[in-house]
Amino acid sequence: MSSFGVGGSNVHTLLRSPDFSAPIRTEHNATTATRLVTCGGRMKEGVQATLSKMLEHPTDVDMQYLLQSSVGDLSTVTHPYRGFALLNSETSRQTVEV
């Protein structure tokens, strides 16, 4: 890979494949455990849709982490609706309230 700059600077880099094989992705320990997922939103329908998507993918811990870190702790002033869902439970359910 080469880069020639306008000001006369030149950069050259040699790239090669790594010597090791890609690590085998193992299943997360919490994949099959019963978990509580919370969500906040401006509208009841948005919270219901988000929680429904979580119930469709109960073993996707990466998506659940993304949800919790992005919309799990929103201000109640701007996002008054709150909901939760139980994942990997015999009675998977969701509830949304103001």
C-alpha atoms as a PDB file:
ATOM      1  CA  MET A   1       0.000   0.000   0.000  1.00  0.00           C
ATOM      2  CA  SER A   2       1.423   3.359  -0.956  1.00  0.00           C
ATOM      3  CA  SER A   3       0.341   6.939  -0.350  1.00  0.00           C
ATOM      4  CA  PHE A   4       1.829   9.979  -2.054  1.00  0.00           C
ATOM      5  CA  GLY A   5       0.938  13.282  -0.391  1.00  0.00           C
ATOM      6  CA  VAL A   6       0.630  16.698  -2.036  1.00  0.00           C
ATOM      7  CA  GLY A   7       3.301  18.164   0.226  1.00  0.00           C
ATOM      8  CA  GLY A   8       5.856  15.592  -0.839  1.00  0.00           C
ATOM      9  CA  SER A   9       5.417  13.090   1.985  1.00  0.00           C
ATOM     10  CA  ASN A  10       5.376   9.456   0.902  1.00  0.00           C
ATOM     11  CA  VAL A  11       4.231   6.494   2.946  1.00  0.00           C
ATOM     12  CA  HIS A  12       4.709   2.827   2.068  1.00  0.00           C
ATOM     13  CA  THR A  13       3.312  -0.042   4.110  1.00  0.00           C
ATOM     14  CA  LEU A  14       3.602  -3.795   3.624  1.00  0.00           C
ATOM     15  CA  LEU A  15       0.664  -5.860   4.841  1.00  0.00           C
ATOM     16  CA  ARG A  16       0.507  -9.609   5.324  1.00  0.00           C
ATOM     17  CA  SER A  17      -1.916 -12.135   6.753  1.00  0.00           C
ATOM     18  CA  PRO A  18      -1.604 -13.013  10.429  1.00  0.00           C
ATOM     19  CA  ASP A  19       0.211 -16.228  11.307  1.00  0.00           C
ATOM     20  CA  PHE A  20      -2.629 -17.554  13.446  1.00  0.00           C
ATOM     21  CA  SER A  21      -6.100 -18.694  12.443  1.00  0.00           C
ATOM     22  CA  ALA A  22      -9.194 -16.753  13.431  1.00  0.00           C
ATOM     23  CA  PRO A  23     -10.413 -17.564  16.946  1.00  0.00           C
ATOM     24  CA  ILE A  24     -13.454 -19.804  17.188  1.00  0.00           C
ATOM     25  CA  ARG A  25     -16.410 -17.821  18.453  1.00  0.00           C
ATOM     26  CA  THR A  26     -17.919 -19.507  21.462  1.00  0.00           C
ATOM     27  CA  GLU A  27     -21.380 -19.031  22.828  1.00  0.00           C
ATOM     28  CA  HIS A  28     -21.727 -16.499  25.654  1.00  0.00           C
ATOM     29  CA  ASN A  29     -22.588 -17.943  29.081  1.00  0.00           C
ATOM     30  CA  ALA A  30     -25.725 -15.777  29.372  1.00  0.00           C
ATOM     31  CA  THR A  31     -27.196 -16.941  26.059  1.00  0.00           C
ATOM     32  CA  THR A  32     -29.609 -19.411  27.629  1.00  0.00           C
ATOM     33  CA  ALA A  33     -30.070 -17.724  31.023  1.00  0.00           C
ATOM     34  CA  THR A  34     -33.255 -15.881  31.916  1.00  0.00           C
ATOM     35  CA  ARG A  35     -32.542 -12.168  31.575  1.00  0.00           C
ATOM     36  CA  LEU A  36     -34.369  -8.900  32.119  1.00  0.00           C
ATOM     37  CA  VAL A  37     -34.129  -6.332  29.305  1.00  0.00           C
ATOM     38  CA  THR A  38     -35.345  -2.773  29.901  1.00  0.00           C
ATOM     39  CA  CYS A  39     -36.144  -0.068  27.388  1.00  0.00           C
ATOM     40  CA  GLY A  40     -37.307   3.548  27.320  1.00  0.00           C
ATOM     41  CA  GLY A  41     -38.956   5.496  24.530  1.00  0.00           C
ATOM     42  CA  ARG A  42     -40.998   8.512  23.487  1.00  0.00           C
ATOM     43  CA  MET A  43     -43.943   6.419  22.242  1.00  0.00           C
ATOM     44  CA  LYS A  44     -45.530   3.212  23.528  1.00  0.00           C
ATOM     45  CA  GLU A  45     -45.369   1.616  20.061  1.00  0.00           C
ATOM     46  CA  GLY A  46     -41.619   2.206  19.821  1.00  0.00           C
ATOM     47  CA  VAL A  47     -40.949   0.540  23.151  1.00  0.00           C
ATOM     48  CA  GLN A  48     -43.192  -2.400  22.193  1.00  0.00           C
ATOM     49  CA  ALA A  49     -41.425  -2.829  18.841  1.00  0.00           C
ATOM     50  CA  THR A  50     -37.993  -2.761  20.468  1.00  0.00           C
ATOM     51  CA  LEU A  51     -38.958  -5.314  23.099  1.00  0.00           C
ATOM     52  CA  SER A  52     -40.625  -7.529  20.478  1.00  0.00           C
ATOM     53  CA  LYS A  53     -37.367  -7.557  18.509  1.00  0.00           C
ATOM     54  CA  MET A  54     -35.549  -8.630  21.680  1.00  0.00           C
ATOM     55  CA  LEU A  55     -38.031 -11.472  22.178  1.00  0.00           C
ATOM     56  CA  GLU A  56     -37.424 -12.599  18.577  1.00  0.00           C
ATOM     57  CA  HIS A  57     -33.683 -12.919  19.290  1.00  0.00           C
ATOM     58  CA  PRO A  58     -33.409 -14.062  22.933  1.00  0.00           C
ATOM     59  CA  THR A  59     -29.889 -15.479  22.517  1.00  0.00           C
ATOM     60  CA  ASP A  60     -28.313 -12.411  20.874  1.00  0.00           C
ATOM     61  CA  VAL A  61     -26.474 -10.903  23.840  1.00  0.00           C
ATOM     62  CA  ASP A  62     -24.656  -8.394  21.618  1.00  0.00           C
ATOM     63  CA  MET A  63     -27.947  -6.853  20.465  1.00  0.00           C
ATOM     64  CA  GLN A  64     -29.206  -6.802  24.047  1.00  0.00           C
ATOM     65  CA  TYR A  65     -26.067  -5.005  25.226  1.00  0.00           C
ATOM     66  CA  LEU A  66     -26.470  -2.440  22.447  1.00  0.00           C
ATOM     67  CA  LEU A  67     -30.075  -1.860  23.482  1.00  0.00           C
ATOM     68  CA  GLN A  68     -29.241  -1.487  27.159  1.00  0.00           C
ATOM     69  CA  SER A  69     -26.350   0.887  26.508  1.00  0.00           C
ATOM     70  CA  SER A  70     -28.258   3.101  24.047  1.00  0.00           C
ATOM     71  CA  VAL A  71     -31.882   3.297  25.256  1.00  0.00           C
ATOM     72  CA  GLY A  72     -31.822   1.663  28.669  1.00  0.00           C
ATOM     73  CA  ASP A  73     -31.290   4.859  30.660  1.00  0.00           C
ATOM     74  CA  LEU A  74     -33.048   7.713  28.851  1.00  0.00           C
ATOM     75  CA  SER A  75     -34.564  10.717  30.611  1.00  0.00           C
ATOM     76  CA  THR A  76     -38.167  10.245  31.708  1.00  0.00           C
ATOM     77  CA  VAL A  77     -38.890  13.846  30.696  1.00  0.00           C
ATOM     78  CA  THR A  78     -38.227  13.229  26.990  1.00  0.00           C
ATOM     79  CA  HIS A  79     -38.893   9.460  26.930  1.00  0.00           C
ATOM     80  CA  PRO A  80     -41.800   8.803  29.328  1.00  0.00           C
ATOM     81  CA  TYR A  81     -42.589   5.209  28.293  1.00  0.00           C
ATOM     82  CA  ARG A  82     -40.764   2.362  30.008  1.00  0.00           C
ATOM     83  CA  GLY A  83     -40.903  -1.338  29.317  1.00  0.00           C
ATOM     84  CA  PHE A  84     -39.250  -4.609  30.143  1.00  0.00           C
ATOM     85  CA  ALA A  85     -39.116  -8.120  28.776  1.00  0.00           C
ATOM     86  CA  LEU A  86     -38.053 -11.431  30.273  1.00  0.00           C
ATOM     87  CA  LEU A  87     -35.913 -13.387  27.830  1.00  0.00           C
ATOM     88  CA  ASN A  88     -35.392 -17.155  27.861  1.00  0.00           C
ATOM     89  CA  SER A  89     -38.173 -17.601  30.366  1.00  0.00           C
ATOM     90  CA  GLU A  90     -41.060 -20.058  30.236  1.00  0.00           C
ATOM     91  CA  THR A  91     -43.377 -17.063  30.332  1.00  0.00           C
ATOM     92  CA  SER A  92     -41.547 -14.588  28.067  1.00  0.00           C
ATOM     93  CA  ARG A  93     -43.554 -11.407  28.330  1.00  0.00           C
ATOM     94  CA  GLN A  94     -43.243  -7.706  27.927  1.00  0.00           C
ATOM     95  CA  THR A  95     -44.863  -4.792  29.725  1.00  0.00           C
ATOM     96  CA  VAL A  96     -44.950  -1.115  28.768  1.00  0.00           C
ATOM     97  CA  GLU A  97     -46.064   1.649  31.117  1.00  0.00           C
ATOM     98  CA  VAL A  98     -45.819   5.407  31.492  1.00  0.00           C
END
